Amino acid sequence: MESDIRKKLADKIIYLRNSKGISQETLAFEAKIDRSYMSRVERGIVSIGIVKLESIAKVLGVKVYELLEF
């Protein structure tokens, strides 16, 4: 169950990032997140805290809750 949620979140982040033409490296840099950690988030390997999720949402131009709408 937990890994399903991580995968859905990962897919949503990737979708939004690609739709805005932002590279993973750029997203990580602008969100002040280590690029290797961002990679693990996008692969659904790690859970992400709300503060980092908020940083990603800001860079992607969405609200945190929009990242969690699957």
PDB file of N, CA and C in Angstrom:
ATOM      1  N   MET A   1       0.830  -1.207   0.000  1.00  0.00           N
ATOM      2  CA  MET A   1       0.000   0.000   0.000  1.00  0.00           C
ATOM      3  C   MET A   1       0.859   1.250   0.000  1.00  0.00           C
ATOM      4  N   GLU A   2       1.817   1.324   0.929  1.00  0.00           N
ATOM      5  CA  GLU A   2       2.669   2.501   1.011  1.00  0.00           C
ATOM      6  C   GLU A   2       3.438   2.724  -0.288  1.00  0.00           C
ATOM      7  N   SER A   3       3.950   1.638  -0.877  1.00  0.00           N
ATOM      8  CA  SER A   3       4.711   1.782  -2.108  1.00  0.00           C
ATOM      9  C   SER A   3       3.816   2.225  -3.263  1.00  0.00           C
ATOM     10  N   ASP A   4       2.515   1.853  -3.221  1.00  0.00           N
ATOM     11  CA  ASP A   4       1.573   2.318  -4.242  1.00  0.00           C
ATOM     12  C   ASP A   4       1.428   3.831  -4.191  1.00  0.00           C
ATOM     13  N   ILE A   5       1.343   4.363  -2.986  1.00  0.00           N
ATOM     14  CA  ILE A   5       1.210   5.810  -2.819  1.00  0.00           C
ATOM     15  C   ILE A   5       2.468   6.515  -3.290  1.00  0.00           C
ATOM     16  N   ARG A   6       3.626   5.971  -2.935  1.00  0.00           N
ATOM     17  CA  ARG A   6       4.890   6.571  -3.391  1.00  0.00           C
ATOM     18  C   ARG A   6       4.972   6.550  -4.911  1.00  0.00           C
ATOM     19  N   LYS A   7       4.538   5.463  -5.536  1.00  0.00           N
ATOM     20  CA  LYS A   7       4.583   5.357  -7.001  1.00  0.00           C
ATOM     21  C   LYS A   7       3.627   6.353  -7.645  1.00  0.00           C
ATOM     22  N   LYS A   8       2.439   6.493  -7.086  1.00  0.00           N
ATOM     23  CA  LYS A   8       1.472   7.454  -7.637  1.00  0.00           C
ATOM     24  C   LYS A   8       2.005   8.878  -7.514  1.00  0.00           C
ATOM     25  N   LEU A   9       2.600   9.198  -6.369  1.00  0.00           N
ATOM     26  CA  LEU A   9       3.183  10.527  -6.189  1.00  0.00           C
ATOM     27  C   LEU A   9       4.331  10.735  -7.167  1.00  0.00           C
ATOM     28  N   ALA A  10       5.170   9.722  -7.309  1.00  0.00           N
ATOM     29  CA  ALA A  10       6.294   9.805  -8.246  1.00  0.00           C
ATOM     30  C   ALA A  10       5.802  10.079  -9.661  1.00  0.00           C
ATOM     31  N   ASP A  11       4.795   9.337 -10.084  1.00  0.00           N
ATOM     32  CA  ASP A  11       4.245   9.525 -11.428  1.00  0.00           C
ATOM     33  C   ASP A  11       3.686  10.927 -11.611  1.00  0.00           C
ATOM     34  N   LYS A  12       3.039  11.458 -10.570  1.00  0.00           N
ATOM     35  CA  LYS A  12       2.455  12.800 -10.649  1.00  0.00           C
ATOM     36  C   LYS A  12       3.550  13.859 -10.765  1.00  0.00           C
ATOM     37  N   ILE A  13       4.599  13.717  -9.968  1.00  0.00           N
ATOM     38  CA  ILE A  13       5.709  14.669 -10.024  1.00  0.00           C
ATOM     39  C   ILE A  13       6.365  14.627 -11.399  1.00  0.00           C
ATOM     40  N   ILE A  14       6.618  13.441 -11.896  1.00  0.00           N
ATOM     41  CA  ILE A  14       7.243  13.296 -13.219  1.00  0.00           C
ATOM     42  C   ILE A  14       6.359  13.910 -14.297  1.00  0.00           C
ATOM     43  N   TYR A  15       5.067  13.629 -14.241  1.00  0.00           N
ATOM     44  CA  TYR A  15       4.132  14.172 -15.226  1.00  0.00           C
ATOM     45  C   TYR A  15       4.163  15.707 -15.225  1.00  0.00           C
ATOM     46  N   LEU A  16       4.040  16.297 -14.041  1.00  0.00           N
ATOM     47  CA  LEU A  16       4.027  17.759 -13.945  1.00  0.00           C
ATOM     48  C   LEU A  16       5.371  18.356 -14.357  1.00  0.00           C
ATOM     49  N   ARG A  17       6.450  17.720 -13.946  1.00  0.00           N
ATOM     50  CA  ARG A  17       7.785  18.213 -14.300  1.00  0.00           C
ATOM     51  C   ARG A  17       7.969  18.191 -15.813  1.00  0.00           C
ATOM     52  N   ASN A  18       7.599  17.085 -16.441  1.00  0.00           N
ATOM     53  CA  ASN A  18       7.742  16.976 -17.895  1.00  0.00           C
ATOM     54  C   ASN A  18       6.829  17.939 -18.628  1.00  0.00           C
ATOM     55  N   SER A  19       5.616  18.131 -18.121  1.00  0.00           N
ATOM     56  CA  SER A  19       4.676  19.037 -18.789  1.00  0.00           C
ATOM     57  C   SER A  19       5.149  20.493 -18.733  1.00  0.00           C
ATOM     58  N   LYS A  20       5.990  20.795 -17.753  1.00  0.00           N
ATOM     59  CA  LYS A  20       6.537  22.148 -17.637  1.00  0.00           C
ATOM     60  C   LYS A  20       7.927  22.255 -18.260  1.00  0.00           C
ATOM     61  N   GLY A  21       8.426  21.145 -18.796  1.00  0.00           N
ATOM     62  CA  GLY A  21       9.724  21.156 -19.457  1.00  0.00           C
ATOM     63  C   GLY A  21      10.888  21.359 -18.499  1.00  0.00           C
ATOM     64  N   ILE A  22      10.743  20.870 -17.288  1.00  0.00           N
ATOM     65  CA  ILE A  22      11.775  21.034 -16.267  1.00  0.00           C
ATOM     66  C   ILE A  22      12.525  19.715 -16.117  1.00  0.00           C
ATOM     67  N   SER A  23      13.839  19.768 -16.112  1.00  0.00           N
ATOM     68  CA  SER A  23      14.612  18.550 -15.882  1.00  0.00           C
ATOM     69  C   SER A  23      14.568  18.173 -14.411  1.00  0.00           C
ATOM     70  N   GLN A  24      14.863  16.916 -14.150  1.00  0.00           N
ATOM     71  CA  GLN A  24      14.918  16.459 -12.761  1.00  0.00           C
ATOM     72  C   GLN A  24      15.974  17.240 -11.990  1.00  0.00           C
ATOM     73  N   GLU A  25      17.099  17.485 -12.623  1.00  0.00           N
ATOM     74  CA  GLU A  25      18.180  18.226 -11.983  1.00  0.00           C
ATOM     75  C   GLU A  25      17.748  19.648 -11.637  1.00  0.00           C
ATOM     76  N   THR A  26      17.048  20.297 -12.546  1.00  0.00           N
ATOM     77  CA  THR A  26      16.568  21.662 -12.303  1.00  0.00           C
ATOM     78  C   THR A  26      15.536  21.681 -11.181  1.00  0.00           C
ATOM     79  N   LEU A  27      14.617  20.719 -11.208  1.00  0.00           N
ATOM     80  CA  LEU A  27      13.619  20.645 -10.145  1.00  0.00           C
ATOM     81  C   LEU A  27      14.296  20.488  -8.793  1.00  0.00           C
ATOM     82  N   ALA A  28      15.242  19.581  -8.716  1.00  0.00           N
ATOM     83  CA  ALA A  28      15.949  19.342  -7.457  1.00  0.00           C
ATOM     84  C   ALA A  28      16.676  20.599  -7.001  1.00  0.00           C
ATOM     85  N   PHE A  29      17.371  21.254  -7.919  1.00  0.00           N
ATOM     86  CA  PHE A  29      18.131  22.455  -7.578  1.00  0.00           C
ATOM     87  C   PHE A  29      17.203  23.557  -7.063  1.00  0.00           C
ATOM     88  N   GLU A  30      16.139  23.835  -7.805  1.00  0.00           N
ATOM     89  CA  GLU A  30      15.235  24.920  -7.426  1.00  0.00           C
ATOM     90  C   GLU A  30      14.451  24.609  -6.146  1.00  0.00           C
ATOM     91  N   ALA A  31      14.214  23.326  -5.889  1.00  0.00           N
ATOM     92  CA  ALA A  31      13.499  22.930  -4.666  1.00  0.00           C
ATOM     93  C   ALA A  31      14.462  22.734  -3.494  1.00  0.00           C
ATOM     94  N   LYS A  32      15.766  22.925  -3.773  1.00  0.00           N
ATOM     95  CA  LYS A  32      16.805  22.761  -2.745  1.00  0.00           C
ATOM     96  C   LYS A  32      16.796  21.344  -2.159  1.00  0.00           C
ATOM     97  N   ILE A  33      16.723  20.378  -3.085  1.00  0.00           N
ATOM     98  CA  ILE A  33      16.731  18.959  -2.735  1.00  0.00           C
ATOM     99  C   ILE A  33      17.881  18.307  -3.486  1.00  0.00           C
ATOM    100  N   ASP A  34      18.597  17.423  -2.817  1.00  0.00           N
ATOM    101  CA  ASP A  34      19.677  16.707  -3.472  1.00  0.00           C
ATOM    102  C   ASP A  34      19.140  15.961  -4.692  1.00  0.00           C
ATOM    103  N   ARG A  35      19.863  16.027  -5.814  1.00  0.00           N
ATOM    104  CA  ARG A  35      19.395  15.410  -7.044  1.00  0.00           C
ATOM    105  C   ARG A  35      19.225  13.901  -6.912  1.00  0.00           C
ATOM    106  N   SER A  36      20.121  13.251  -6.193  1.00  0.00           N
ATOM    107  CA  SER A  36      19.994  11.799  -6.036  1.00  0.00           C
ATOM    108  C   SER A  36      18.764  11.446  -5.191  1.00  0.00           C
ATOM    109  N   TYR A  37      18.434  12.286  -4.219  1.00  0.00           N
ATOM    110  CA  TYR A  37      17.223  12.074  -3.427  1.00  0.00           C
ATOM    111  C   TYR A  37      15.988  12.271  -4.315  1.00  0.00           C
ATOM    112  N   MET A  38      16.034  13.314  -5.156  1.00  0.00           N
ATOM    113  CA  MET A  38      14.922  13.572  -6.075  1.00  0.00           C
ATOM    114  C   MET A  38      14.715  12.378  -6.997  1.00  0.00           C
ATOM    115  N   SER A  39      15.789  11.788  -7.443  1.00  0.00           N
ATOM    116  CA  SER A  39      15.708  10.607  -8.288  1.00  0.00           C
ATOM    117  C   SER A  39      15.013   9.458  -7.559  1.00  0.00           C
ATOM    118  N   ARG A  40      15.350   9.265  -6.311  1.00  0.00           N
ATOM    119  CA  ARG A  40      14.720   8.190  -5.522  1.00  0.00           C
ATOM    120  C   ARG A  40      13.235   8.478  -5.292  1.00  0.00           C
ATOM    121  N   VAL A  41      12.881   9.747  -5.107  1.00  0.00           N
ATOM    122  CA  VAL A  41      11.467  10.119  -4.965  1.00  0.00           C
ATOM    123  C   VAL A  41      10.721   9.776  -6.251  1.00  0.00           C
ATOM    124  N   GLU A  42      11.309  10.140  -7.388  1.00  0.00           N
ATOM    125  CA  GLU A  42      10.653   9.908  -8.673  1.00  0.00           C
ATOM    126  C   GLU A  42      10.609   8.427  -9.055  1.00  0.00           C
ATOM    127  N   ARG A  43      11.410   7.616  -8.423  1.00  0.00           N
ATOM    128  CA  ARG A  43      11.349   6.174  -8.658  1.00  0.00           C
ATOM    129  C   ARG A  43      10.465   5.480  -7.630  1.00  0.00           C
ATOM    130  N   GLY A  44       9.909   6.252  -6.694  1.00  0.00           N
ATOM    131  CA  GLY A  44       9.009   5.702  -5.691  1.00  0.00           C
ATOM    132  C   GLY A  44       9.705   4.864  -4.635  1.00  0.00           C
ATOM    133  N   ILE A  45      11.005   5.119  -4.462  1.00  0.00           N
ATOM    134  CA  ILE A  45      11.802   4.333  -3.519  1.00  0.00           C
ATOM    135  C   ILE A  45      11.712   4.884  -2.098  1.00  0.00           C
ATOM    136  N   VAL A  46      11.639   6.194  -1.967  1.00  0.00           N
ATOM    137  CA  VAL A  46      11.630   6.812  -0.643  1.00  0.00           C
ATOM    138  C   VAL A  46      10.341   7.598  -0.434  1.00  0.00           C
ATOM    139  N   SER A  47       9.980   7.739   0.820  1.00  0.00           N
ATOM    140  CA  SER A  47       8.870   8.621   1.181  1.00  0.00           C
ATOM    141  C   SER A  47       9.446  10.023   1.336  1.00  0.00           C
ATOM    142  N   ILE A  48       8.630  11.004   1.078  1.00  0.00           N
ATOM    143  CA  ILE A  48       9.107  12.389   1.142  1.00  0.00           C
ATOM    144  C   ILE A  48       8.334  13.136   2.220  1.00  0.00           C
ATOM    145  N   GLY A  49       9.023  13.990   2.937  1.00  0.00           N
ATOM    146  CA  GLY A  49       8.401  14.795   3.969  1.00  0.00           C
ATOM    147  C   GLY A  49       7.610  15.947   3.379  1.00  0.00           C
ATOM    148  N   ILE A  50       6.723  16.474   4.169  1.00  0.00           N
ATOM    149  CA  ILE A  50       5.818  17.533   3.709  1.00  0.00           C
ATOM    150  C   ILE A  50       6.560  18.816   3.338  1.00  0.00           C
ATOM    151  N   VAL A  51       7.641  19.127   4.038  1.00  0.00           N
ATOM    152  CA  VAL A  51       8.385  20.357   3.735  1.00  0.00           C
ATOM    153  C   VAL A  51       9.038  20.254   2.353  1.00  0.00           C
ATOM    154  N   LYS A  52       9.632  19.116   2.064  1.00  0.00           N
ATOM    155  CA  LYS A  52      10.239  18.925   0.744  1.00  0.00           C
ATOM    156  C   LYS A  52       9.163  18.848  -0.329  1.00  0.00           C
ATOM    157  N   LEU A  53       8.047  18.225  -0.011  1.00  0.00           N
ATOM    158  CA  LEU A  53       6.948  18.156  -0.961  1.00  0.00           C
ATOM    159  C   LEU A  53       6.435  19.554  -1.293  1.00  0.00           C
ATOM    160  N   GLU A  54       6.394  20.416  -0.287  1.00  0.00           N
ATOM    161  CA  GLU A  54       5.975  21.801  -0.512  1.00  0.00           C
ATOM    162  C   GLU A  54       6.960  22.528  -1.424  1.00  0.00           C
ATOM    163  N   SER A  55       8.242  22.269  -1.259  1.00  0.00           N
ATOM    164  CA  SER A  55       9.258  22.887  -2.118  1.00  0.00           C
ATOM    165  C   SER A  55       9.081  22.448  -3.563  1.00  0.00           C
ATOM    166  N   ILE A  56       8.821  21.169  -3.767  1.00  0.00           N
ATOM    167  CA  ILE A  56       8.599  20.651  -5.122  1.00  0.00           C
ATOM    168  C   ILE A  56       7.355  21.287  -5.726  1.00  0.00           C
ATOM    169  N   ALA A  57       6.292  21.362  -4.944  1.00  0.00           N
ATOM    170  CA  ALA A  57       5.039  21.954  -5.426  1.00  0.00           C
ATOM    171  C   ALA A  57       5.252  23.400  -5.873  1.00  0.00           C
ATOM    172  N   LYS A  58       6.015  24.165  -5.096  1.00  0.00           N
ATOM    173  CA  LYS A  58       6.277  25.565  -5.458  1.00  0.00           C
ATOM    174  C   LYS A  58       6.975  25.662  -6.805  1.00  0.00           C
ATOM    175  N   VAL A  59       7.993  24.838  -6.993  1.00  0.00           N
ATOM    176  CA  VAL A  59       8.735  24.868  -8.259  1.00  0.00           C
ATOM    177  C   VAL A  59       7.820  24.477  -9.420  1.00  0.00           C
ATOM    178  N   LEU A  60       6.951  23.510  -9.190  1.00  0.00           N
ATOM    179  CA  LEU A  60       6.054  23.051 -10.250  1.00  0.00           C
ATOM    180  C   LEU A  60       4.843  23.969 -10.433  1.00  0.00           C
ATOM    181  N   GLY A  61       4.673  24.934  -9.534  1.00  0.00           N
ATOM    182  CA  GLY A  61       3.574  25.888  -9.658  1.00  0.00           C
ATOM    183  C   GLY A  61       2.218  25.319  -9.288  1.00  0.00           C
ATOM    184  N   VAL A  62       2.218  24.360  -8.350  1.00  0.00           N
ATOM    185  CA  VAL A  62       0.960  23.763  -7.896  1.00  0.00           C
ATOM    186  C   VAL A  62       0.901  23.793  -6.378  1.00  0.00           C
ATOM    187  N   LYS A  63      -0.256  23.492  -5.837  1.00  0.00           N
ATOM    188  CA  LYS A  63      -0.431  23.356  -4.394  1.00  0.00           C
ATOM    189  C   LYS A  63      -0.056  21.941  -3.991  1.00  0.00           C
ATOM    190  N   VAL A  64       0.344  21.758  -2.740  1.00  0.00           N
ATOM    191  CA  VAL A  64       0.732  20.437  -2.256  1.00  0.00           C
ATOM    192  C   VAL A  64      -0.387  19.426  -2.484  1.00  0.00           C
ATOM    193  N   TYR A  65      -1.620  19.821  -2.195  1.00  0.00           N
ATOM    194  CA  TYR A  65      -2.725  18.874  -2.334  1.00  0.00           C
ATOM    195  C   TYR A  65      -2.886  18.402  -3.779  1.00  0.00           C
ATOM    196  N   GLU A  66      -2.493  19.248  -4.752  1.00  0.00           N
ATOM    197  CA  GLU A  66      -2.591  18.835  -6.149  1.00  0.00           C
ATOM    198  C   GLU A  66      -1.619  17.708  -6.478  1.00  0.00           C
ATOM    199  N   LEU A  67      -0.486  17.670  -5.795  1.00  0.00           N
ATOM    200  CA  LEU A  67       0.455  16.574  -5.994  1.00  0.00           C
ATOM    201  C   LEU A  67      -0.119  15.265  -5.472  1.00  0.00           C
ATOM    202  N   LEU A  68      -1.034  15.365  -4.518  1.00  0.00           N
ATOM    203  CA  LEU A  68      -1.600  14.183  -3.886  1.00  0.00           C
ATOM    204  C   LEU A  68      -2.932  13.770  -4.475  1.00  0.00           C
ATOM    205  N   GLU A  69      -3.379  14.471  -5.496  1.00  0.00           N
ATOM    206  CA  GLU A  69      -4.613  14.085  -6.198  1.00  0.00           C
ATOM    207  C   GLU A  69      -4.246  13.085  -7.276  1.00  0.00           C
ATOM    208  N   PHE A  70      -4.618  11.856  -7.046  1.00  0.00           N
ATOM    209  CA  PHE A  70      -4.288  10.803  -8.022  1.00  0.00           C
ATOM    210  C   PHE A  70      -5.514  10.496  -8.822  1.00  0.00           C
TER     211      PHE A  70
END
